[in-house]
Amino acid sequence: YHTEQTFPDRSNESALTESVVRGKAVWENNNCIGCHSLLGEGAYFAPELGNVYKRFGSTEAIKGFIRSRPKEGIAGRRSMPQFNLSEQELDAVAEFLKYTSEIDTAGLPPNIQG
């Protein structure tokens, strides 16, 4: 009951825009969750991205990182490939990641340092 009552305040729903929705589609169409986790859901091959906006500090930094990926990845390392996203797709996925970073998850998933 408590969760249902507090969800509207914690969900960040007021920041849900068309760009965020398009960004989620970019996320899904490129199977980002096949490597990354988002708010604790997904694969653990690559970093958790629920806090990437907080770590990078801006949508421009997120877009710059995605743009900078080498075409073939980095030999001998796990690395994100170049998806050749359009500027509109980059804007949208960066807005989606910003949106997810602003959801109040009550500290979950925990930030475990190992």
PDB file of N, CA and C in Angstrom:
ATOM      1  N   TYR A   1       0.820  -1.182   0.000  1.00  0.00           N
ATOM      2  CA  TYR A   1       0.000   0.000   0.000  1.00  0.00           C
ATOM      3  C   TYR A   1       0.875   1.263   0.000  1.00  0.00           C
ATOM      4  N   HIS A   2       1.898   1.274   0.851  1.00  0.00           N
ATOM      5  CA  HIS A   2       2.771   2.448   0.937  1.00  0.00           C
ATOM      6  C   HIS A   2       3.425   2.745  -0.414  1.00  0.00           C
ATOM      7  N   THR A   3       3.914   1.709  -1.083  1.00  0.00           N
ATOM      8  CA  THR A   3       4.570   1.893  -2.378  1.00  0.00           C
ATOM      9  C   THR A   3       3.609   2.513  -3.383  1.00  0.00           C
ATOM     10  N   GLU A   4       2.392   1.993  -3.430  1.00  0.00           N
ATOM     11  CA  GLU A   4       1.412   2.544  -4.365  1.00  0.00           C
ATOM     12  C   GLU A   4       1.107   4.006  -4.079  1.00  0.00           C
ATOM     13  N   GLN A   5       1.096   4.368  -2.824  1.00  0.00           N
ATOM     14  CA  GLN A   5       0.790   5.744  -2.449  1.00  0.00           C
ATOM     15  C   GLN A   5       1.940   6.697  -2.740  1.00  0.00           C
ATOM     16  N   THR A   6       3.170   6.234  -2.638  1.00  0.00           N
ATOM     17  CA  THR A   6       4.329   7.116  -2.840  1.00  0.00           C
ATOM     18  C   THR A   6       4.867   7.080  -4.262  1.00  0.00           C
ATOM     19  N   PHE A   7       4.449   6.125  -5.057  1.00  0.00           N
ATOM     20  CA  PHE A   7       4.992   5.983  -6.404  1.00  0.00           C
ATOM     21  C   PHE A   7       4.863   7.244  -7.257  1.00  0.00           C
ATOM     22  N   PRO A   8       3.728   7.907  -7.276  1.00  0.00           N
ATOM     23  CA  PRO A   8       3.636   9.117  -8.117  1.00  0.00           C
ATOM     24  C   PRO A   8       4.688  10.174  -7.765  1.00  0.00           C
ATOM     25  N   ASP A   9       5.009  10.301  -6.492  1.00  0.00           N
ATOM     26  CA  ASP A   9       6.013  11.284  -6.086  1.00  0.00           C
ATOM     27  C   ASP A   9       7.426  10.842  -6.416  1.00  0.00           C
ATOM     28  N   ARG A  10       7.670   9.548  -6.420  1.00  0.00           N
ATOM     29  CA  ARG A  10       9.026   9.028  -6.600  1.00  0.00           C
ATOM     30  C   ARG A  10       9.349   8.669  -8.040  1.00  0.00           C
ATOM     31  N   SER A  11       8.348   8.532  -8.898  1.00  0.00           N
ATOM     32  CA  SER A  11       8.552   7.997 -10.246  1.00  0.00           C
ATOM     33  C   SER A  11       9.176   8.979 -11.231  1.00  0.00           C
ATOM     34  N   ASN A  12       9.207  10.259 -10.890  1.00  0.00           N
ATOM     35  CA  ASN A  12       9.720  11.291 -11.790  1.00  0.00           C
ATOM     36  C   ASN A  12       8.805  11.468 -13.005  1.00  0.00           C
ATOM     37  N   GLU A  13       7.561  11.077 -12.858  1.00  0.00           N
ATOM     38  CA  GLU A  13       6.602  11.119 -13.957  1.00  0.00           C
ATOM     39  C   GLU A  13       6.458  12.508 -14.571  1.00  0.00           C
ATOM     40  N   SER A  14       6.618  13.543 -13.765  1.00  0.00           N
ATOM     41  CA  SER A  14       6.450  14.903 -14.284  1.00  0.00           C
ATOM     42  C   SER A  14       7.512  15.264 -15.318  1.00  0.00           C
ATOM     43  N   ALA A  15       8.628  14.532 -15.328  1.00  0.00           N
ATOM     44  CA  ALA A  15       9.705  14.800 -16.286  1.00  0.00           C
ATOM     45  C   ALA A  15       9.621  13.905 -17.522  1.00  0.00           C
ATOM     46  N   LEU A  16       8.577  13.116 -17.623  1.00  0.00           N
ATOM     47  CA  LEU A  16       8.406  12.206 -18.752  1.00  0.00           C
ATOM     48  C   LEU A  16       7.970  13.001 -19.983  1.00  0.00           C
ATOM     49  N   THR A  17       8.868  13.095 -20.967  1.00  0.00           N
ATOM     50  CA  THR A  17       8.603  13.867 -22.179  1.00  0.00           C
ATOM     51  C   THR A  17       8.614  12.950 -23.397  1.00  0.00           C
ATOM     52  N   GLU A  18       8.229  13.497 -24.538  1.00  0.00           N
ATOM     53  CA  GLU A  18       8.290  12.724 -25.780  1.00  0.00           C
ATOM     54  C   GLU A  18       9.723  12.299 -26.082  1.00  0.00           C
ATOM     55  N   SER A  19      10.685  13.145 -25.773  1.00  0.00           N
ATOM     56  CA  SER A  19      12.088  12.814 -26.006  1.00  0.00           C
ATOM     57  C   SER A  19      12.522  11.633 -25.141  1.00  0.00           C
ATOM     58  N   VAL A  20      12.074  11.593 -23.909  1.00  0.00           N
ATOM     59  CA  VAL A  20      12.390  10.472 -23.015  1.00  0.00           C
ATOM     60  C   VAL A  20      11.792   9.181 -23.575  1.00  0.00           C
ATOM     61  N   VAL A  21      10.562   9.256 -24.042  1.00  0.00           N
ATOM     62  CA  VAL A  21       9.904   8.078 -24.622  1.00  0.00           C
ATOM     63  C   VAL A  21      10.667   7.613 -25.864  1.00  0.00           C
ATOM     64  N   ARG A  22      11.089   8.549 -26.722  1.00  0.00           N
ATOM     65  CA  ARG A  22      11.891   8.179 -27.900  1.00  0.00           C
ATOM     66  C   ARG A  22      13.218   7.550 -27.469  1.00  0.00           C
ATOM     67  N   GLY A  23      13.816   8.084 -26.397  1.00  0.00           N
ATOM     68  CA  GLY A  23      15.069   7.531 -25.897  1.00  0.00           C
ATOM     69  C   GLY A  23      14.923   6.113 -25.404  1.00  0.00           C
ATOM     70  N   LYS A  24      13.788   5.818 -24.777  1.00  0.00           N
ATOM     71  CA  LYS A  24      13.539   4.441 -24.342  1.00  0.00           C
ATOM     72  C   LYS A  24      13.445   3.522 -25.558  1.00  0.00           C
ATOM     73  N   ALA A  25      12.840   4.009 -26.631  1.00  0.00           N
ATOM     74  CA  ALA A  25      12.757   3.210 -27.858  1.00  0.00           C
ATOM     75  C   ALA A  25      14.150   2.962 -28.434  1.00  0.00           C
ATOM     76  N   VAL A  26      15.022   3.973 -28.410  1.00  0.00           N
ATOM     77  CA  VAL A  26      16.408   3.788 -28.880  1.00  0.00           C
ATOM     78  C   VAL A  26      17.093   2.739 -28.010  1.00  0.00           C
ATOM     79  N   TRP A  27      16.908   2.848 -26.699  1.00  0.00           N
ATOM     80  CA  TRP A  27      17.469   1.883 -25.739  1.00  0.00           C
ATOM     81  C   TRP A  27      17.023   0.460 -26.086  1.00  0.00           C
ATOM     82  N   GLU A  28      15.723   0.299 -26.334  1.00  0.00           N
ATOM     83  CA  GLU A  28      15.179  -1.020 -26.638  1.00  0.00           C
ATOM     84  C   GLU A  28      15.597  -1.509 -28.024  1.00  0.00           C
ATOM     85  N   ASN A  29      15.549  -0.648 -29.024  1.00  0.00           N
ATOM     86  CA  ASN A  29      15.878  -1.049 -30.395  1.00  0.00           C
ATOM     87  C   ASN A  29      17.334  -1.467 -30.556  1.00  0.00           C
ATOM     88  N   ASN A  30      18.208  -0.933 -29.717  1.00  0.00           N
ATOM     89  CA  ASN A  30      19.630  -1.275 -29.788  1.00  0.00           C
ATOM     90  C   ASN A  30      20.034  -2.296 -28.732  1.00  0.00           C
ATOM     91  N   ASN A  31      19.046  -2.849 -28.032  1.00  0.00           N
ATOM     92  CA  ASN A  31      19.262  -3.883 -27.019  1.00  0.00           C
ATOM     93  C   ASN A  31      20.334  -3.490 -26.003  1.00  0.00           C
ATOM     94  N   CYS A  32      20.287  -2.260 -25.545  1.00  0.00           N
ATOM     95  CA  CYS A  32      21.271  -1.794 -24.559  1.00  0.00           C
ATOM     96  C   CYS A  32      21.226  -2.638 -23.296  1.00  0.00           C
ATOM     97  N   ILE A  33      20.045  -3.128 -22.947  1.00  0.00           N
ATOM     98  CA  ILE A  33      19.882  -3.928 -21.740  1.00  0.00           C
ATOM     99  C   ILE A  33      20.529  -5.312 -21.886  1.00  0.00           C
ATOM    100  N   GLY A  34      20.915  -5.664 -23.102  1.00  0.00           N
ATOM    101  CA  GLY A  34      21.631  -6.917 -23.322  1.00  0.00           C
ATOM    102  C   GLY A  34      23.035  -6.891 -22.731  1.00  0.00           C
ATOM    103  N   CYS A  35      23.560  -5.687 -22.491  1.00  0.00           N
ATOM    104  CA  CYS A  35      24.883  -5.532 -21.870  1.00  0.00           C
ATOM    105  C   CYS A  35      24.811  -4.758 -20.560  1.00  0.00           C
ATOM    106  N   HIS A  36      23.972  -3.728 -20.523  1.00  0.00           N
ATOM    107  CA  HIS A  36      23.891  -2.839 -19.364  1.00  0.00           C
ATOM    108  C   HIS A  36      22.711  -3.203 -18.473  1.00  0.00           C
ATOM    109  N   SER A  37      22.816  -2.820 -17.209  1.00  0.00           N
ATOM    110  CA  SER A  37      21.650  -2.846 -16.336  1.00  0.00           C
ATOM    111  C   SER A  37      21.167  -1.403 -16.189  1.00  0.00           C
ATOM    112  N   LEU A  38      19.897  -1.287 -15.895  1.00  0.00           N
ATOM    113  CA  LEU A  38      19.280   0.021 -15.693  1.00  0.00           C
ATOM    114  C   LEU A  38      18.373  -0.102 -14.485  1.00  0.00           C
ATOM    115  N   LEU A  39      18.711   0.601 -13.428  1.00  0.00           N
ATOM    116  CA  LEU A  39      17.979   0.521 -12.173  1.00  0.00           C
ATOM    117  C   LEU A  39      17.918  -0.923 -11.671  1.00  0.00           C
ATOM    118  N   GLY A  40      19.025  -1.641 -11.883  1.00  0.00           N
ATOM    119  CA  GLY A  40      19.154  -2.996 -11.374  1.00  0.00           C
ATOM    120  C   GLY A  40      18.620  -4.089 -12.276  1.00  0.00           C
ATOM    121  N   GLU A  41      18.000  -3.738 -13.396  1.00  0.00           N
ATOM    122  CA  GLU A  41      17.448  -4.721 -14.324  1.00  0.00           C
ATOM    123  C   GLU A  41      18.316  -4.801 -15.564  1.00  0.00           C
ATOM    124  N   GLY A  42      18.586  -6.009 -16.027  1.00  0.00           N
ATOM    125  CA  GLY A  42      19.347  -6.179 -17.248  1.00  0.00           C
ATOM    126  C   GLY A  42      20.606  -6.976 -17.028  1.00  0.00           C
ATOM    127  N   ALA A  43      21.510  -6.873 -17.982  1.00  0.00           N
ATOM    128  CA  ALA A  43      22.748  -7.646 -17.948  1.00  0.00           C
ATOM    129  C   ALA A  43      23.819  -6.915 -17.140  1.00  0.00           C
ATOM    130  N   TYR A  44      24.802  -7.670 -16.722  1.00  0.00           N
ATOM    131  CA  TYR A  44      25.885  -7.097 -15.912  1.00  0.00           C
ATOM    132  C   TYR A  44      27.221  -7.185 -16.648  1.00  0.00           C
ATOM    133  N   PHE A  45      27.176  -7.173 -17.964  1.00  0.00           N
ATOM    134  CA  PHE A  45      28.390  -7.199 -18.782  1.00  0.00           C
ATOM    135  C   PHE A  45      29.044  -5.826 -18.803  1.00  0.00           C
ATOM    136  N   ALA A  46      28.221  -4.797 -18.809  1.00  0.00           N
ATOM    137  CA  ALA A  46      28.679  -3.409 -18.892  1.00  0.00           C
ATOM    138  C   ALA A  46      28.095  -2.634 -17.710  1.00  0.00           C
ATOM    139  N   PRO A  47      28.534  -1.398 -17.498  1.00  0.00           N
ATOM    140  CA  PRO A  47      28.107  -0.650 -16.301  1.00  0.00           C
ATOM    141  C   PRO A  47      26.607  -0.425 -16.178  1.00  0.00           C
ATOM    142  N   GLU A  48      26.168  -0.323 -14.926  1.00  0.00           N
ATOM    143  CA  GLU A  48      24.817   0.119 -14.577  1.00  0.00           C
ATOM    144  C   GLU A  48      24.656   1.553 -15.075  1.00  0.00           C
ATOM    145  N   LEU A  49      23.535   1.850 -15.707  1.00  0.00           N
ATOM    146  CA  LEU A  49      23.342   3.183 -16.272  1.00  0.00           C
ATOM    147  C   LEU A  49      22.261   4.002 -15.581  1.00  0.00           C
ATOM    148  N   GLY A  50      21.703   3.497 -14.496  1.00  0.00           N
ATOM    149  CA  GLY A  50      20.691   4.256 -13.773  1.00  0.00           C
ATOM    150  C   GLY A  50      21.232   5.541 -13.175  1.00  0.00           C
ATOM    151  N   ASN A  51      22.540   5.621 -13.016  1.00  0.00           N
ATOM    152  CA  ASN A  51      23.148   6.823 -12.431  1.00  0.00           C
ATOM    153  C   ASN A  51      24.160   7.477 -13.373  1.00  0.00           C
ATOM    154  N   VAL A  52      24.130   7.112 -14.637  1.00  0.00           N
ATOM    155  CA  VAL A  52      25.126   7.624 -15.577  1.00  0.00           C
ATOM    156  C   VAL A  52      25.062   9.145 -15.720  1.00  0.00           C
ATOM    157  N   TYR A  53      23.868   9.709 -15.664  1.00  0.00           N
ATOM    158  CA  TYR A  53      23.753  11.169 -15.771  1.00  0.00           C
ATOM    159  C   TYR A  53      24.423  11.835 -14.577  1.00  0.00           C
ATOM    160  N   LYS A  54      24.233  11.287 -13.406  1.00  0.00           N
ATOM    161  CA  LYS A  54      24.874  11.846 -12.211  1.00  0.00           C
ATOM    162  C   LYS A  54      26.393  11.695 -12.294  1.00  0.00           C
ATOM    163  N   ARG A  55      26.866  10.584 -12.838  1.00  0.00           N
ATOM    164  CA  ARG A  55      28.309  10.363 -12.964  1.00  0.00           C
ATOM    165  C   ARG A  55      28.924  11.265 -14.027  1.00  0.00           C
ATOM    166  N   PHE A  56      28.256  11.425 -15.165  1.00  0.00           N
ATOM    167  CA  PHE A  56      28.799  12.206 -16.272  1.00  0.00           C
ATOM    168  C   PHE A  56      28.505  13.697 -16.135  1.00  0.00           C
ATOM    169  N   GLY A  57      27.405  14.047 -15.492  1.00  0.00           N
ATOM    170  CA  GLY A  57      27.104  15.441 -15.213  1.00  0.00           C
ATOM    171  C   GLY A  57      26.308  16.195 -16.258  1.00  0.00           C
ATOM    172  N   SER A  58      26.123  15.610 -17.432  1.00  0.00           N
ATOM    173  CA  SER A  58      25.339  16.300 -18.456  1.00  0.00           C
ATOM    174  C   SER A  58      24.945  15.335 -19.568  1.00  0.00           C
ATOM    175  N   THR A  59      23.905  15.716 -20.298  1.00  0.00           N
ATOM    176  CA  THR A  59      23.522  14.909 -21.456  1.00  0.00           C
ATOM    177  C   THR A  59      24.576  15.031 -22.552  1.00  0.00           C
ATOM    178  N   GLU A  60      25.237  16.181 -22.640  1.00  0.00           N
ATOM    179  CA  GLU A  60      26.289  16.354 -23.655  1.00  0.00           C
ATOM    180  C   GLU A  60      27.437  15.376 -23.427  1.00  0.00           C
ATOM    181  N   ALA A  61      27.798  15.151 -22.167  1.00  0.00           N
ATOM    182  CA  ALA A  61      28.875  14.209 -21.854  1.00  0.00           C
ATOM    183  C   ALA A  61      28.465  12.778 -22.207  1.00  0.00           C
ATOM    184  N   ILE A  62      27.212  12.433 -21.958  1.00  0.00           N
ATOM    185  CA  ILE A  62      26.722  11.100 -22.323  1.00  0.00           C
ATOM    186  C   ILE A  62      26.794  10.927 -23.838  1.00  0.00           C
ATOM    187  N   LYS A  63      26.305  11.926 -24.565  1.00  0.00           N
ATOM    188  CA  LYS A  63      26.337  11.842 -26.031  1.00  0.00           C
ATOM    189  C   LYS A  63      27.771  11.776 -26.542  1.00  0.00           C
ATOM    190  N   GLY A  64      28.663  12.542 -25.940  1.00  0.00           N
ATOM    191  CA  GLY A  64      30.066  12.514 -26.349  1.00  0.00           C
ATOM    192  C   GLY A  64      30.685  11.147 -26.146  1.00  0.00           C
ATOM    193  N   PHE A  65      30.363  10.496 -25.033  1.00  0.00           N
ATOM    194  CA  PHE A  65      30.885   9.156 -24.782  1.00  0.00           C
ATOM    195  C   PHE A  65      30.381   8.171 -25.833  1.00  0.00           C
ATOM    196  N   ILE A  66      29.081   8.213 -26.102  1.00  0.00           N
ATOM    197  CA  ILE A  66      28.508   7.292 -27.093  1.00  0.00           C
ATOM    198  C   ILE A  66      29.114   7.548 -28.470  1.00  0.00           C
ATOM    199  N   ARG A  67      29.278   8.820 -28.844  1.00  0.00           N
ATOM    200  CA  ARG A  67      29.874   9.174 -30.143  1.00  0.00           C
ATOM    201  C   ARG A  67      31.314   8.674 -30.269  1.00  0.00           C
ATOM    202  N   SER A  68      32.042   8.651 -29.155  1.00  0.00           N
ATOM    203  CA  SER A  68      33.481   8.355 -29.195  1.00  0.00           C
ATOM    204  C   SER A  68      33.814   6.872 -29.312  1.00  0.00           C
ATOM    205  N   ARG A  69      32.821   6.017 -29.295  1.00  0.00           N
ATOM    206  CA  ARG A  69      33.091   4.584 -29.353  1.00  0.00           C
ATOM    207  C   ARG A  69      33.732   4.222 -30.678  1.00  0.00           C
ATOM    208  N   PRO A  70      34.830   3.434 -30.642  1.00  0.00           N
ATOM    209  CA  PRO A  70      35.458   3.013 -31.897  1.00  0.00           C
ATOM    210  C   PRO A  70      34.549   2.058 -32.670  1.00  0.00           C
ATOM    211  N   LYS A  71      34.691   2.056 -33.973  1.00  0.00           N
ATOM    212  CA  LYS A  71      33.838   1.257 -34.838  1.00  0.00           C
ATOM    213  C   LYS A  71      33.856  -0.222 -34.463  1.00  0.00           C
ATOM    214  N   GLU A  72      35.008  -0.759 -34.195  1.00  0.00           N
ATOM    215  CA  GLU A  72      35.147  -2.184 -33.911  1.00  0.00           C
ATOM    216  C   GLU A  72      35.324  -2.486 -32.432  1.00  0.00           C
ATOM    217  N   GLY A  73      35.129  -1.523 -31.564  1.00  0.00           N
ATOM    218  CA  GLY A  73      35.385  -1.755 -30.155  1.00  0.00           C
ATOM    219  C   GLY A  73      36.885  -1.664 -29.888  1.00  0.00           C
ATOM    220  N   ILE A  74      37.300  -2.069 -28.718  1.00  0.00           N
ATOM    221  CA  ILE A  74      38.705  -2.027 -28.334  1.00  0.00           C
ATOM    222  C   ILE A  74      39.198  -3.459 -28.220  1.00  0.00           C
ATOM    223  N   ALA A  75      40.197  -3.810 -29.003  1.00  0.00           N
ATOM    224  CA  ALA A  75      40.707  -5.180 -29.037  1.00  0.00           C
ATOM    225  C   ALA A  75      41.119  -5.652 -27.647  1.00  0.00           C
ATOM    226  N   GLY A  76      40.674  -6.871 -27.295  1.00  0.00           N
ATOM    227  CA  GLY A  76      41.049  -7.462 -26.024  1.00  0.00           C
ATOM    228  C   GLY A  76      40.294  -6.936 -24.818  1.00  0.00           C
ATOM    229  N   ARG A  77      39.338  -6.044 -25.035  1.00  0.00           N
ATOM    230  CA  ARG A  77      38.561  -5.467 -23.929  1.00  0.00           C
ATOM    231  C   ARG A  77      37.076  -5.536 -24.231  1.00  0.00           C
ATOM    232  N   ARG A  78      36.333  -5.584 -23.167  1.00  0.00           N
ATOM    233  CA  ARG A  78      34.888  -5.407 -23.344  1.00  0.00           C
ATOM    234  C   ARG A  78      34.682  -3.929 -23.614  1.00  0.00           C
ATOM    235  N   SER A  79      34.056  -3.598 -24.685  1.00  0.00           N
ATOM    236  CA  SER A  79      33.797  -2.189 -24.975  1.00  0.00           C
ATOM    237  C   SER A  79      32.530  -2.057 -25.794  1.00  0.00           C
ATOM    238  N   MET A  80      31.892  -0.942 -25.607  1.00  0.00           N
ATOM    239  CA  MET A  80      30.659  -0.676 -26.323  1.00  0.00           C
ATOM    240  C   MET A  80      30.976  -0.388 -27.786  1.00  0.00           C
ATOM    241  N   PRO A  81      30.267  -1.033 -28.691  1.00  0.00           N
ATOM    242  CA  PRO A  81      30.492  -0.759 -30.111  1.00  0.00           C
ATOM    243  C   PRO A  81      29.907   0.588 -30.514  1.00  0.00           C
ATOM    244  N   GLN A  82      30.262   1.023 -31.684  1.00  0.00           N
ATOM    245  CA  GLN A  82      29.716   2.256 -32.254  1.00  0.00           C
ATOM    246  C   GLN A  82      28.368   1.908 -32.899  1.00  0.00           C
ATOM    247  N   PHE A  83      27.305   2.513 -32.421  1.00  0.00           N
ATOM    248  CA  PHE A  83      25.972   2.245 -32.953  1.00  0.00           C
ATOM    249  C   PHE A  83      25.573   3.217 -34.049  1.00  0.00           C
ATOM    250  N   ASN A  84      26.398   4.242 -34.301  1.00  0.00           N
ATOM    251  CA  ASN A  84      26.115   5.221 -35.353  1.00  0.00           C
ATOM    252  C   ASN A  84      24.716   5.822 -35.202  1.00  0.00           C
ATOM    253  N   LEU A  85      24.400   6.242 -33.989  1.00  0.00           N
ATOM    254  CA  LEU A  85      23.111   6.866 -33.734  1.00  0.00           C
ATOM    255  C   LEU A  85      23.068   8.260 -34.346  1.00  0.00           C
ATOM    256  N   SER A  86      21.905   8.644 -34.814  1.00  0.00           N
ATOM    257  CA  SER A  86      21.716  10.003 -35.334  1.00  0.00           C
ATOM    258  C   SER A  86      21.744  10.986 -34.165  1.00  0.00           C
ATOM    259  N   GLU A  87      21.856  12.267 -34.463  1.00  0.00           N
ATOM    260  CA  GLU A  87      21.831  13.282 -33.406  1.00  0.00           C
ATOM    261  C   GLU A  87      20.515  13.233 -32.634  1.00  0.00           C
ATOM    262  N   GLN A  88      19.407  12.989 -33.341  1.00  0.00           N
ATOM    263  CA  GLN A  88      18.121  12.897 -32.674  1.00  0.00           C
ATOM    264  C   GLN A  88      18.075  11.693 -31.734  1.00  0.00           C
ATOM    265  N   GLU A  89      18.639  10.564 -32.166  1.00  0.00           N
ATOM    266  CA  GLU A  89      18.683   9.374 -31.312  1.00  0.00           C
ATOM    267  C   GLU A  89      19.589   9.601 -30.105  1.00  0.00           C
ATOM    268  N   LEU A  90      20.739  10.246 -30.329  1.00  0.00           N
ATOM    269  CA  LEU A  90      21.635  10.565 -29.216  1.00  0.00           C
ATOM    270  C   LEU A  90      20.954  11.475 -28.202  1.00  0.00           C
ATOM    271  N   ASP A  91      20.286  12.517 -28.689  1.00  0.00           N
ATOM    272  CA  ASP A  91      19.566  13.422 -27.792  1.00  0.00           C
ATOM    273  C   ASP A  91      18.539  12.646 -26.975  1.00  0.00           C
ATOM    274  N   ALA A  92      17.789  11.791 -27.647  1.00  0.00           N
ATOM    275  CA  ALA A  92      16.706  11.062 -26.983  1.00  0.00           C
ATOM    276  C   ALA A  92      17.246  10.076 -25.944  1.00  0.00           C
ATOM    277  N   VAL A  93      18.262   9.300 -26.283  1.00  0.00           N
ATOM    278  CA  VAL A  93      18.774   8.322 -25.316  1.00  0.00           C
ATOM    279  C   VAL A  93      19.433   9.028 -24.137  1.00  0.00           C
ATOM    280  N   ALA A  94      20.079  10.152 -24.377  1.00  0.00           N
ATOM    281  CA  ALA A  94      20.678  10.913 -23.277  1.00  0.00           C
ATOM    282  C   ALA A  94      19.571  11.467 -22.365  1.00  0.00           C
ATOM    283  N   GLU A  95      18.471  11.931 -22.939  1.00  0.00           N
ATOM    284  CA  GLU A  95      17.343  12.408 -22.128  1.00  0.00           C
ATOM    285  C   GLU A  95      16.710  11.258 -21.337  1.00  0.00           C
ATOM    286  N   PHE A  96      16.625  10.093 -21.954  1.00  0.00           N
ATOM    287  CA  PHE A  96      16.091   8.916 -21.261  1.00  0.00           C
ATOM    288  C   PHE A  96      16.984   8.549 -20.065  1.00  0.00           C
ATOM    289  N   LEU A  97      18.288   8.556 -20.260  1.00  0.00           N
ATOM    290  CA  LEU A  97      19.201   8.228 -19.159  1.00  0.00           C
ATOM    291  C   LEU A  97      19.170   9.296 -18.071  1.00  0.00           C
ATOM    292  N   LYS A  98      19.000  10.550 -18.462  1.00  0.00           N
ATOM    293  CA  LYS A  98      18.841  11.619 -17.462  1.00  0.00           C
ATOM    294  C   LYS A  98      17.568  11.382 -16.652  1.00  0.00           C
ATOM    295  N   TYR A  99      16.488  11.085 -17.345  1.00  0.00           N
ATOM    296  CA  TYR A  99      15.209  10.813 -16.682  1.00  0.00           C
ATOM    297  C   TYR A  99      15.342   9.672 -15.673  1.00  0.00           C
ATOM    298  N   THR A 100      15.940   8.554 -16.094  1.00  0.00           N
ATOM    299  CA  THR A 100      16.037   7.408 -15.193  1.00  0.00           C
ATOM    300  C   THR A 100      16.905   7.723 -13.979  1.00  0.00           C
ATOM    301  N   SER A 101      17.903   8.585 -14.152  1.00  0.00           N
ATOM    302  CA  SER A 101      18.778   8.916 -13.022  1.00  0.00           C
ATOM    303  C   SER A 101      18.063   9.770 -11.980  1.00  0.00           C
ATOM    304  N   GLU A 102      16.947  10.358 -12.352  1.00  0.00           N
ATOM    305  CA  GLU A 102      16.213  11.234 -11.441  1.00  0.00           C
ATOM    306  C   GLU A 102      15.010  10.561 -10.799  1.00  0.00           C
ATOM    307  N   ILE A 103      14.850   9.257 -11.025  1.00  0.00           N
ATOM    308  CA  ILE A 103      13.806   8.489 -10.359  1.00  0.00           C
ATOM    309  C   ILE A 103      14.270   8.210  -8.934  1.00  0.00           C
ATOM    310  N   ASP A 104      13.417   8.428  -7.969  1.00  0.00           N
ATOM    311  CA  ASP A 104      13.745   8.150  -6.572  1.00  0.00           C
ATOM    312  C   ASP A 104      13.590   6.653  -6.327  1.00  0.00           C
ATOM    313  N   THR A 105      14.699   5.944  -6.300  1.00  0.00           N
ATOM    314  CA  THR A 105      14.682   4.491  -6.117  1.00  0.00           C
ATOM    315  C   THR A 105      14.871   4.087  -4.662  1.00  0.00           C
ATOM    316  N   ALA A 106      14.830   5.036  -3.769  1.00  0.00           N
ATOM    317  CA  ALA A 106      15.001   4.774  -2.336  1.00  0.00           C
ATOM    318  C   ALA A 106      16.318   4.041  -2.068  1.00  0.00           C
ATOM    319  N   GLY A 107      17.361   4.400  -2.844  1.00  0.00           N
ATOM    320  CA  GLY A 107      18.672   3.816  -2.621  1.00  0.00           C
ATOM    321  C   GLY A 107      18.901   2.464  -3.247  1.00  0.00           C
ATOM    322  N   LEU A 108      17.976   1.995  -4.074  1.00  0.00           N
ATOM    323  CA  LEU A 108      18.121   0.691  -4.722  1.00  0.00           C
ATOM    324  C   LEU A 108      18.336   0.886  -6.206  1.00  0.00           C
ATOM    325  N   PRO A 109      19.108   0.108  -6.887  1.00  0.00           N
ATOM    326  CA  PRO A 109      19.945  -0.931  -6.283  1.00  0.00           C
ATOM    327  C   PRO A 109      21.080  -0.295  -5.481  1.00  0.00           C
ATOM    328  N   PRO A 110      21.583  -1.020  -4.497  1.00  0.00           N
ATOM    329  CA  PRO A 110      22.673  -0.446  -3.679  1.00  0.00           C
ATOM    330  C   PRO A 110      23.937  -0.279  -4.495  1.00  0.00           C
ATOM    331  N   ASN A 111      24.703   0.714  -4.139  1.00  0.00           N
ATOM    332  CA  ASN A 111      25.994   0.947  -4.788  1.00  0.00           C
ATOM    333  C   ASN A 111      27.043   0.143  -4.023  1.00  0.00           C
ATOM    334  N   ILE A 112      27.261  -1.078  -4.472  1.00  0.00           N
ATOM    335  CA  ILE A 112      28.166  -1.985  -3.784  1.00  0.00           C
ATOM    336  C   ILE A 112      29.570  -1.829  -4.360  1.00  0.00           C
ATOM    337  N   GLN A 113      30.495  -1.510  -3.516  1.00  0.00           N
ATOM    338  CA  GLN A 113      31.893  -1.408  -3.906  1.00  0.00           C
ATOM    339  C   GLN A 113      32.577  -2.709  -3.543  1.00  0.00           C
ATOM    340  N   GLY A 114      33.255  -3.337  -4.481  1.00  0.00           N
ATOM    341  CA  GLY A 114      33.851  -4.637  -4.189  1.00  0.00           C
ATOM    342  C   GLY A 114      35.333  -4.672  -4.316  1.00  0.00           C
TER     343      GLY A 114
END
